[in-house]
Amino acid sequence: MLDLINLRKTFNPRTVNEKVALDGVNLHLDDGDFVAIIGGNGAGKSTTLNAIAGVWPVDEGKIVLDGTDISKLSEHKRAGMLGRVFQDPMMGTAATMQIEENLALAARRGDRRTLRQGITRAEREMYREKLSMLGLGLEDRMTAKVGLLSGGQRQALTLLMATLKRPRLLLLDEHTAALDPRTAEKVMNISRQIIEENHLMTLMVTHNMRAAIAYGNRLVMMHAGKVILDISGEEKKRLTVENLMEQFAKASGETFTNDRALLS
């Protein structure tokens, strides 16, 4: 499970550019929870993911993963516990390397480097099987350079790489935002398939209100560095965009005005 306990983070403190990014964030996830996080610009969504990943230390609070306080661990030490997919399809893969070479790097994450054979026949067959599950034909292009793939193909590959060694927590940071609507829907369906098949505890930041409602078993809304809504179960299944906006206004005292979210 994951516990975020009273997380606080201020950028540029005691300057004219001071910005309170996290203002006492508390959140609990159980094993298998798929939580969509939504909110306006500056709400603290991506800052929360970066805090969990160790991109920067929090000023106060604890991050507890499976009973272990990881708040003081460096980013590279947390990397073996986490899988992450970024908004930019160019991140998360090595463009000049082959598809199978990228998968081999992901499969060896956290292992000691040795002089053994690069990719065995058994590994190659396993990669082919995993790629075929994506339904994108990549299993027939395993020696192709990743830089030749489309954005959607690359994000799907990044998802597979991030979950090849089952992470304790999967972080999806607006991973479909740079894709066209049809490709984004395809990648979201692949995401759901991988998450459900592997029973992965997942935090997904999205600007798309409909995606936040449609995917996952919980929806969390952030505002001004705080969690203001946490909706799950039957209430989430009945949720509409209009109802979500009403609940936001009631919880925050403001009108939700993020054009990017409303137009998605």
C-alpha atoms as a PDB file:
ATOM      1  CA  MET A   1       0.000   0.000   0.000  1.00  0.00           C
ATOM      2  CA  LEU A   2       0.972   3.653  -0.289  1.00  0.00           C
ATOM      3  CA  ASP A   3       0.528   6.362   2.327  1.00  0.00           C
ATOM      4  CA  LEU A   4       1.172  10.040   1.695  1.00  0.00           C
ATOM      5  CA  ILE A   5       1.158  11.718   5.086  1.00  0.00           C
ATOM      6  CA  ASN A   6       0.891  15.512   5.379  1.00  0.00           C
ATOM      7  CA  LEU A   7       3.151  16.237   2.399  1.00  0.00           C
ATOM      8  CA  ARG A   8       4.249  19.855   2.101  1.00  0.00           C
ATOM      9  CA  LYS A   9       6.438  21.432  -0.561  1.00  0.00           C
ATOM     10  CA  THR A  10       7.169  25.116  -1.229  1.00  0.00           C
ATOM     11  CA  PHE A  11       9.264  26.265  -4.162  1.00  0.00           C
ATOM     12  CA  ASN A  12      11.412  29.428  -3.878  1.00  0.00           C
ATOM     13  CA  PRO A  13      10.539  29.981  -0.209  1.00  0.00           C
ATOM     14  CA  ARG A  14      10.880  33.472   1.249  1.00  0.00           C
ATOM     15  CA  THR A  15      11.151  35.074  -2.198  1.00  0.00           C
ATOM     16  CA  VAL A  16       8.734  36.988  -4.423  1.00  0.00           C
ATOM     17  CA  ASN A  17       8.371  33.763  -6.453  1.00  0.00           C
ATOM     18  CA  GLU A  18       7.323  31.639  -3.470  1.00  0.00           C
ATOM     19  CA  LYS A  19       4.847  28.936  -4.509  1.00  0.00           C
ATOM     20  CA  VAL A  20       3.158  26.487  -2.150  1.00  0.00           C
ATOM     21  CA  ALA A  21       2.843  23.373  -4.316  1.00  0.00           C
ATOM     22  CA  LEU A  22       1.770  20.817  -1.701  1.00  0.00           C
ATOM     23  CA  ASP A  23      -0.150  21.986   1.351  1.00  0.00           C
ATOM     24  CA  GLY A  24      -0.690  18.974   3.580  1.00  0.00           C
ATOM     25  CA  VAL A  25      -1.465  16.196   1.074  1.00  0.00           C
ATOM     26  CA  ASN A  26      -2.850  13.038   2.662  1.00  0.00           C
ATOM     27  CA  LEU A  27      -3.690  10.009   0.539  1.00  0.00           C
ATOM     28  CA  HIS A  28      -3.915   6.249   1.101  1.00  0.00           C
ATOM     29  CA  LEU A  29      -3.824   3.592  -1.623  1.00  0.00           C
ATOM     30  CA  ASP A  30      -4.398  -0.116  -1.146  1.00  0.00           C
ATOM     31  CA  ASP A  31      -2.835  -2.821  -3.298  1.00  0.00           C
ATOM     32  CA  GLY A  32      -4.537  -2.822  -6.707  1.00  0.00           C
ATOM     33  CA  ASP A  33      -5.999   0.687  -6.412  1.00  0.00           C
ATOM     34  CA  PHE A  34      -6.061   2.581  -9.729  1.00  0.00           C
ATOM     35  CA  VAL A  35      -6.438   6.253  -8.794  1.00  0.00           C
ATOM     36  CA  ALA A  36      -6.943   9.041 -11.336  1.00  0.00           C
ATOM     37  CA  ILE A  37      -5.810  12.480 -10.109  1.00  0.00           C
ATOM     38  CA  ILE A  38      -7.301  15.573 -11.725  1.00  0.00           C
ATOM     39  CA  GLY A  39      -7.185  19.292 -10.993  1.00  0.00           C
ATOM     40  CA  GLY A  40      -6.446  22.692 -12.491  1.00  0.00           C
ATOM     41  CA  ASN A  41      -3.043  24.155 -13.312  1.00  0.00           C
ATOM     42  CA  GLY A  42      -0.921  24.418 -10.178  1.00  0.00           C
ATOM     43  CA  ALA A  43      -3.169  22.091  -8.199  1.00  0.00           C
ATOM     44  CA  GLY A  44      -0.220  19.903  -7.172  1.00  0.00           C
ATOM     45  CA  LYS A  45      -0.863  16.816  -9.331  1.00  0.00           C
ATOM     46  CA  SER A  46       2.530  16.383 -10.993  1.00  0.00           C
ATOM     47  CA  THR A  47       4.308  17.729  -7.917  1.00  0.00           C
ATOM     48  CA  THR A  48       2.791  14.852  -5.951  1.00  0.00           C
ATOM     49  CA  LEU A  49       4.102  12.298  -8.465  1.00  0.00           C
ATOM     50  CA  ASN A  50       7.531  13.935  -8.489  1.00  0.00           C
ATOM     51  CA  ALA A  51       7.621  13.862  -4.694  1.00  0.00           C
ATOM     52  CA  ILE A  52       6.821  10.144  -4.689  1.00  0.00           C
ATOM     53  CA  ALA A  53       9.481   9.487  -7.353  1.00  0.00           C
ATOM     54  CA  GLY A  54      12.085  11.451  -5.398  1.00  0.00           C
ATOM     55  CA  VAL A  55      12.670  14.116  -8.052  1.00  0.00           C
ATOM     56  CA  TRP A  56      12.877  16.548  -5.145  1.00  0.00           C
ATOM     57  CA  PRO A  57      12.549  16.149  -1.360  1.00  0.00           C
ATOM     58  CA  VAL A  58       9.396  17.260   0.434  1.00  0.00           C
ATOM     59  CA  ASP A  59       9.678  19.922   3.139  1.00  0.00           C
ATOM     60  CA  GLU A  60       7.492  17.984   5.554  1.00  0.00           C
ATOM     61  CA  GLY A  61       5.601  14.709   5.714  1.00  0.00           C
ATOM     62  CA  LYS A  62       6.200  11.071   4.890  1.00  0.00           C
ATOM     63  CA  ILE A  63       5.911   8.798   1.873  1.00  0.00           C
ATOM     64  CA  VAL A  64       5.377   5.211   3.010  1.00  0.00           C
ATOM     65  CA  LEU A  65       5.399   2.408   0.427  1.00  0.00           C
ATOM     66  CA  ASP A  66       4.480  -1.093   1.610  1.00  0.00           C
ATOM     67  CA  GLY A  67       5.281  -0.118   5.189  1.00  0.00           C
ATOM     68  CA  THR A  68       8.695   1.396   4.389  1.00  0.00           C
ATOM     69  CA  ASP A  69       9.328   5.126   4.735  1.00  0.00           C
ATOM     70  CA  ILE A  70      10.997   6.104   1.429  1.00  0.00           C
ATOM     71  CA  SER A  71      10.877   9.867   2.062  1.00  0.00           C
ATOM     72  CA  LYS A  72      14.661  10.159   2.451  1.00  0.00           C
ATOM     73  CA  LEU A  73      15.642   7.735  -0.325  1.00  0.00           C
ATOM     74  CA  SER A  74      17.317   9.175  -3.416  1.00  0.00           C
ATOM     75  CA  GLU A  75      15.551   9.098  -6.766  1.00  0.00           C
ATOM     76  CA  HIS A  76      17.697   6.273  -8.166  1.00  0.00           C
ATOM     77  CA  LYS A  77      17.049   4.084  -5.115  1.00  0.00           C
ATOM     78  CA  ARG A  78      13.295   4.532  -5.527  1.00  0.00           C
ATOM     79  CA  ALA A  79      13.486   3.762  -9.256  1.00  0.00           C
ATOM     80  CA  GLY A  80      13.608   0.011  -8.655  1.00  0.00           C
ATOM     81  CA  MET A  81      10.293   0.165  -6.783  1.00  0.00           C
ATOM     82  CA  LEU A  82       8.445   2.381  -9.246  1.00  0.00           C
ATOM     83  CA  GLY A  83       7.360   2.334 -12.871  1.00  0.00           C
ATOM     84  CA  ARG A  84       6.749   5.691 -14.539  1.00  0.00           C
ATOM     85  CA  VAL A  85       5.434   6.908 -17.889  1.00  0.00           C
ATOM     86  CA  PHE A  86       5.770  10.592 -18.773  1.00  0.00           C
ATOM     87  CA  GLN A  87       3.714  12.917 -20.951  1.00  0.00           C
ATOM     88  CA  ASP A  88       6.436  13.179 -23.607  1.00  0.00           C
ATOM     89  CA  PRO A  89       6.575  10.004 -25.756  1.00  0.00           C
ATOM     90  CA  MET A  90      10.301  10.699 -26.273  1.00  0.00           C
ATOM     91  CA  MET A  91      11.031  10.032 -22.600  1.00  0.00           C
ATOM     92  CA  GLY A  92      11.320   6.588 -21.106  1.00  0.00           C
ATOM     93  CA  THR A  93      12.928   4.897 -24.120  1.00  0.00           C
ATOM     94  CA  ALA A  94      16.257   5.010 -25.959  1.00  0.00           C
ATOM     95  CA  ALA A  95      15.441   6.206 -29.490  1.00  0.00           C
ATOM     96  CA  THR A  96      18.619   4.896 -31.142  1.00  0.00           C
ATOM     97  CA  MET A  97      18.260   1.379 -29.720  1.00  0.00           C
ATOM     98  CA  GLN A  98      16.089  -1.456 -30.994  1.00  0.00           C
ATOM     99  CA  ILE A  99      12.735  -2.354 -29.447  1.00  0.00           C
ATOM    100  CA  GLU A 100      14.121  -5.607 -28.029  1.00  0.00           C
ATOM    101  CA  GLU A 101      17.175  -3.786 -26.637  1.00  0.00           C
ATOM    102  CA  ASN A 102      14.924  -1.308 -24.827  1.00  0.00           C
ATOM    103  CA  LEU A 103      12.942  -4.192 -23.348  1.00  0.00           C
ATOM    104  CA  ALA A 104      16.170  -5.903 -22.266  1.00  0.00           C
ATOM    105  CA  LEU A 105      17.238  -2.739 -20.428  1.00  0.00           C
ATOM    106  CA  ALA A 106      13.880  -2.642 -18.648  1.00  0.00           C
ATOM    107  CA  ALA A 107      14.082  -6.347 -17.758  1.00  0.00           C
ATOM    108  CA  ARG A 108      17.517  -5.845 -16.192  1.00  0.00           C
ATOM    109  CA  ARG A 109      16.592  -2.775 -14.156  1.00  0.00           C
ATOM    110  CA  GLY A 110      18.116  -3.095 -10.715  1.00  0.00           C
ATOM    111  CA  ASP A 111      20.199  -6.172 -11.627  1.00  0.00           C
ATOM    112  CA  ARG A 112      23.976  -6.354 -11.445  1.00  0.00           C
ATOM    113  CA  ARG A 113      25.671  -6.012 -14.817  1.00  0.00           C
ATOM    114  CA  THR A 114      27.584  -9.080 -16.047  1.00  0.00           C
ATOM    115  CA  LEU A 115      29.287 -10.265 -19.230  1.00  0.00           C
ATOM    116  CA  ARG A 116      26.579 -12.780 -20.082  1.00  0.00           C
ATOM    117  CA  GLN A 117      24.819 -12.898 -23.453  1.00  0.00           C
ATOM    118  CA  GLY A 118      22.887  -9.731 -24.252  1.00  0.00           C
ATOM    119  CA  ILE A 119      19.450 -11.155 -25.123  1.00  0.00           C
ATOM    120  CA  THR A 120      18.752 -14.870 -24.864  1.00  0.00           C
ATOM    121  CA  ARG A 121      16.364 -16.778 -27.112  1.00  0.00           C
ATOM    122  CA  ALA A 122      13.964 -17.302 -24.203  1.00  0.00           C
ATOM    123  CA  GLU A 123      13.960 -13.575 -23.428  1.00  0.00           C
ATOM    124  CA  ARG A 124      13.322 -12.725 -27.068  1.00  0.00           C
ATOM    125  CA  GLU A 125      10.299 -15.038 -27.130  1.00  0.00           C
ATOM    126  CA  MET A 126       9.001 -13.491 -23.921  1.00  0.00           C
ATOM    127  CA  TYR A 127       9.361  -9.994 -25.377  1.00  0.00           C
ATOM    128  CA  ARG A 128       7.539 -11.096 -28.544  1.00  0.00           C
ATOM    129  CA  GLU A 129       4.666 -12.482 -26.453  1.00  0.00           C
ATOM    130  CA  LYS A 130       4.402  -9.312 -24.365  1.00  0.00           C
ATOM    131  CA  LEU A 131       4.476  -7.071 -27.438  1.00  0.00           C
ATOM    132  CA  SER A 132       1.788  -9.106 -29.198  1.00  0.00           C
ATOM    133  CA  MET A 133      -0.577  -8.343 -26.292  1.00  0.00           C
ATOM    134  CA  LEU A 134      -0.426  -4.647 -27.235  1.00  0.00           C
ATOM    135  CA  GLY A 135      -2.075  -5.332 -30.587  1.00  0.00           C
ATOM    136  CA  LEU A 136       0.188  -2.905 -32.436  1.00  0.00           C
ATOM    137  CA  GLY A 137       2.263  -5.337 -34.517  1.00  0.00           C
ATOM    138  CA  LEU A 138       5.469  -4.446 -32.656  1.00  0.00           C
ATOM    139  CA  GLU A 139       6.266  -8.136 -32.142  1.00  0.00           C
ATOM    140  CA  ASP A 140       7.170  -8.245 -35.846  1.00  0.00           C
ATOM    141  CA  ARG A 141       9.444  -5.195 -35.593  1.00  0.00           C
ATOM    142  CA  MET A 142      11.611  -6.082 -32.610  1.00  0.00           C
ATOM    143  CA  THR A 143      14.845  -5.037 -34.313  1.00  0.00           C
ATOM    144  CA  ALA A 144      13.443  -1.672 -35.432  1.00  0.00           C
ATOM    145  CA  LYS A 145      14.849   1.476 -33.819  1.00  0.00           C
ATOM    146  CA  VAL A 146      12.441   2.930 -31.258  1.00  0.00           C
ATOM    147  CA  GLY A 147      12.905   6.396 -32.779  1.00  0.00           C
ATOM    148  CA  LEU A 148      11.003   5.183 -35.861  1.00  0.00           C
ATOM    149  CA  LEU A 149       7.829   4.444 -33.864  1.00  0.00           C
ATOM    150  CA  SER A 150       4.789   6.720 -33.672  1.00  0.00           C
ATOM    151  CA  GLY A 151       3.994   8.536 -30.417  1.00  0.00           C
ATOM    152  CA  GLY A 152       1.270   6.047 -29.503  1.00  0.00           C
ATOM    153  CA  GLN A 153       3.465   3.026 -30.235  1.00  0.00           C
ATOM    154  CA  ARG A 154       6.241   4.544 -28.177  1.00  0.00           C
ATOM    155  CA  GLN A 155       3.976   5.237 -25.196  1.00  0.00           C
ATOM    156  CA  ALA A 156       2.627   1.677 -25.344  1.00  0.00           C
ATOM    157  CA  LEU A 157       6.198   0.361 -25.383  1.00  0.00           C
ATOM    158  CA  THR A 158       7.119   2.637 -22.467  1.00  0.00           C
ATOM    159  CA  LEU A 159       4.140   1.260 -20.522  1.00  0.00           C
ATOM    160  CA  LEU A 160       5.321  -2.275 -21.170  1.00  0.00           C
ATOM    161  CA  MET A 161       8.870  -1.384 -20.127  1.00  0.00           C
ATOM    162  CA  ALA A 162       7.661   0.326 -16.936  1.00  0.00           C
ATOM    163  CA  THR A 163       5.739  -2.797 -15.894  1.00  0.00           C
ATOM    164  CA  LEU A 164       7.982  -5.563 -17.260  1.00  0.00           C
ATOM    165  CA  LYS A 165       9.413  -6.038 -13.779  1.00  0.00           C
ATOM    166  CA  ARG A 166       6.247  -5.610 -11.714  1.00  0.00           C
ATOM    167  CA  PRO A 167       6.661  -2.285  -9.880  1.00  0.00           C
ATOM    168  CA  ARG A 168       5.267  -1.738  -6.414  1.00  0.00           C
ATOM    169  CA  LEU A 169       3.683   1.467  -7.749  1.00  0.00           C
ATOM    170  CA  LEU A 170       3.004   2.687 -11.294  1.00  0.00           C
ATOM    171  CA  LEU A 171       3.021   6.448 -11.952  1.00  0.00           C
ATOM    172  CA  LEU A 172       1.338   7.757 -15.109  1.00  0.00           C
ATOM    173  CA  ASP A 173       1.977  11.473 -15.569  1.00  0.00           C
ATOM    174  CA  GLU A 174      -0.487  12.718 -18.233  1.00  0.00           C
ATOM    175  CA  HIS A 175       0.853   9.925 -20.441  1.00  0.00           C
ATOM    176  CA  THR A 176      -1.744  10.431 -23.193  1.00  0.00           C
ATOM    177  CA  ALA A 177      -1.787  14.256 -23.246  1.00  0.00           C
ATOM    178  CA  ALA A 178       0.547  14.558 -26.251  1.00  0.00           C
ATOM    179  CA  LEU A 179      -1.402  12.056 -28.369  1.00  0.00           C
ATOM    180  CA  ASP A 180      -4.340  12.562 -30.718  1.00  0.00           C
ATOM    181  CA  PRO A 181      -7.723  11.474 -29.268  1.00  0.00           C
ATOM    182  CA  ARG A 182      -7.934   8.112 -31.079  1.00  0.00           C
ATOM    183  CA  THR A 183      -4.367   7.144 -30.157  1.00  0.00           C
ATOM    184  CA  ALA A 184      -4.885   8.371 -26.588  1.00  0.00           C
ATOM    185  CA  GLU A 185      -7.910   6.104 -26.206  1.00  0.00           C
ATOM    186  CA  LYS A 186      -5.900   3.144 -27.543  1.00  0.00           C
ATOM    187  CA  VAL A 187      -3.059   3.807 -25.080  1.00  0.00           C
ATOM    188  CA  MET A 188      -5.548   4.221 -22.220  1.00  0.00           C
ATOM    189  CA  ASN A 189      -7.125   0.850 -23.009  1.00  0.00           C
ATOM    190  CA  ILE A 190      -3.671  -0.750 -23.098  1.00  0.00           C
ATOM    191  CA  SER A 191      -2.916   0.927 -19.770  1.00  0.00           C
ATOM    192  CA  ARG A 192      -6.063  -0.479 -18.189  1.00  0.00           C
ATOM    193  CA  GLN A 193      -5.299  -3.958 -19.557  1.00  0.00           C
ATOM    194  CA  ILE A 194      -1.753  -3.978 -18.148  1.00  0.00           C
ATOM    195  CA  ILE A 195      -2.850  -2.548 -14.788  1.00  0.00           C
ATOM    196  CA  GLU A 196      -5.689  -5.040 -14.341  1.00  0.00           C
ATOM    197  CA  GLU A 197      -3.729  -8.083 -15.508  1.00  0.00           C
ATOM    198  CA  ASN A 198      -0.843  -7.305 -13.156  1.00  0.00           C
ATOM    199  CA  HIS A 199      -3.020  -5.959 -10.311  1.00  0.00           C
ATOM    200  CA  LEU A 200      -0.852  -2.834 -10.167  1.00  0.00           C
ATOM    201  CA  MET A 201      -1.281  -0.056  -7.635  1.00  0.00           C
ATOM    202  CA  THR A 202      -1.427   3.003  -9.908  1.00  0.00           C
ATOM    203  CA  LEU A 203      -1.549   6.793  -9.681  1.00  0.00           C
ATOM    204  CA  MET A 204      -2.541   8.461 -12.948  1.00  0.00           C
ATOM    205  CA  VAL A 205      -2.427  12.237 -13.363  1.00  0.00           C
ATOM    206  CA  THR A 206      -4.702  13.415 -16.172  1.00  0.00           C
ATOM    207  CA  HIS A 207      -6.178  16.691 -17.429  1.00  0.00           C
ATOM    208  CA  ASN A 208      -9.023  14.787 -19.101  1.00  0.00           C
ATOM    209  CA  MET A 209     -12.125  14.753 -16.884  1.00  0.00           C
ATOM    210  CA  ARG A 210     -13.833  12.037 -18.913  1.00  0.00           C
ATOM    211  CA  ALA A 211     -10.765   9.788 -18.687  1.00  0.00           C
ATOM    212  CA  ALA A 212     -10.570  10.383 -14.933  1.00  0.00           C
ATOM    213  CA  ILE A 213     -14.196   9.277 -14.631  1.00  0.00           C
ATOM    214  CA  ALA A 214     -13.935   6.319 -17.024  1.00  0.00           C
ATOM    215  CA  TYR A 215     -10.696   4.740 -15.793  1.00  0.00           C
ATOM    216  CA  GLY A 216      -9.682   3.480 -12.378  1.00  0.00           C
ATOM    217  CA  ASN A 217     -11.614   2.624  -9.245  1.00  0.00           C
ATOM    218  CA  ARG A 218     -11.026   6.005  -7.571  1.00  0.00           C
ATOM    219  CA  LEU A 219     -10.955   9.654  -8.625  1.00  0.00           C
ATOM    220  CA  VAL A 220      -9.027  12.215  -6.593  1.00  0.00           C
ATOM    221  CA  MET A 221      -9.297  15.937  -7.273  1.00  0.00           C
ATOM    222  CA  MET A 222      -6.625  18.359  -6.083  1.00  0.00           C
ATOM    223  CA  HIS A 223      -6.823  22.120  -5.649  1.00  0.00           C
ATOM    224  CA  ALA A 224      -4.232  24.557  -4.288  1.00  0.00           C
ATOM    225  CA  GLY A 225      -1.942  21.744  -3.170  1.00  0.00           C
ATOM    226  CA  LYS A 226      -4.607  19.770  -1.307  1.00  0.00           C
ATOM    227  CA  VAL A 227      -6.825  16.760  -1.925  1.00  0.00           C
ATOM    228  CA  ILE A 228     -10.376  18.113  -1.911  1.00  0.00           C
ATOM    229  CA  LEU A 229     -12.318  15.160  -3.373  1.00  0.00           C
ATOM    230  CA  ASP A 230     -11.824  11.379  -3.193  1.00  0.00           C
ATOM    231  CA  ILE A 231     -14.585   9.501  -5.020  1.00  0.00           C
ATOM    232  CA  SER A 232     -14.845   5.734  -5.408  1.00  0.00           C
ATOM    233  CA  GLY A 233     -17.258   2.817  -5.701  1.00  0.00           C
ATOM    234  CA  GLU A 234     -20.805   3.340  -6.915  1.00  0.00           C
ATOM    235  CA  GLU A 235     -20.487   7.105  -6.558  1.00  0.00           C
ATOM    236  CA  LYS A 236     -17.673   7.141  -9.132  1.00  0.00           C
ATOM    237  CA  LYS A 237     -19.602   4.882 -11.512  1.00  0.00           C
ATOM    238  CA  ARG A 238     -22.508   7.354 -11.492  1.00  0.00           C
ATOM    239  CA  LEU A 239     -20.269  10.393 -11.853  1.00  0.00           C
ATOM    240  CA  THR A 240     -20.628  12.817 -14.781  1.00  0.00           C
ATOM    241  CA  VAL A 241     -18.451  15.774 -15.800  1.00  0.00           C
ATOM    242  CA  GLU A 242     -21.211  18.181 -14.746  1.00  0.00           C
ATOM    243  CA  ASN A 243     -21.580  16.508 -11.354  1.00  0.00           C
ATOM    244  CA  LEU A 244     -17.814  16.540 -10.838  1.00  0.00           C
ATOM    245  CA  MET A 245     -17.679  20.274 -11.551  1.00  0.00           C
ATOM    246  CA  GLU A 246     -20.482  20.858  -9.051  1.00  0.00           C
ATOM    247  CA  GLN A 247     -18.655  18.858  -6.387  1.00  0.00           C
ATOM    248  CA  PHE A 248     -15.447  20.794  -7.105  1.00  0.00           C
ATOM    249  CA  ALA A 249     -17.242  24.122  -6.659  1.00  0.00           C
ATOM    250  CA  LYS A 250     -18.779  22.954  -3.394  1.00  0.00           C
ATOM    251  CA  ALA A 251     -15.473  21.615  -1.998  1.00  0.00           C
ATOM    252  CA  SER A 252     -13.229  24.497  -3.134  1.00  0.00           C
ATOM    253  CA  GLY A 253     -15.598  27.451  -3.115  1.00  0.00           C
ATOM    254  CA  GLU A 254     -14.495  28.230  -6.686  1.00  0.00           C
ATOM    255  CA  THR A 255     -15.615  27.437 -10.236  1.00  0.00           C
ATOM    256  CA  PHE A 256     -13.521  24.915 -12.160  1.00  0.00           C
ATOM    257  CA  THR A 257     -12.078  26.931 -15.050  1.00  0.00           C
ATOM    258  CA  ASN A 258      -9.298  24.792 -16.513  1.00  0.00           C
ATOM    259  CA  ASP A 259      -9.950  25.035 -20.270  1.00  0.00           C
ATOM    260  CA  ARG A 260      -7.670  22.106 -21.062  1.00  0.00           C
ATOM    261  CA  ALA A 261      -9.699  19.793 -18.839  1.00  0.00           C
ATOM    262  CA  LEU A 262     -13.091  21.117 -19.890  1.00  0.00           C
ATOM    263  CA  LEU A 263     -12.349  20.852 -23.623  1.00  0.00           C
ATOM    264  CA  SER A 264     -10.903  17.334 -23.485  1.00  0.00           C
END
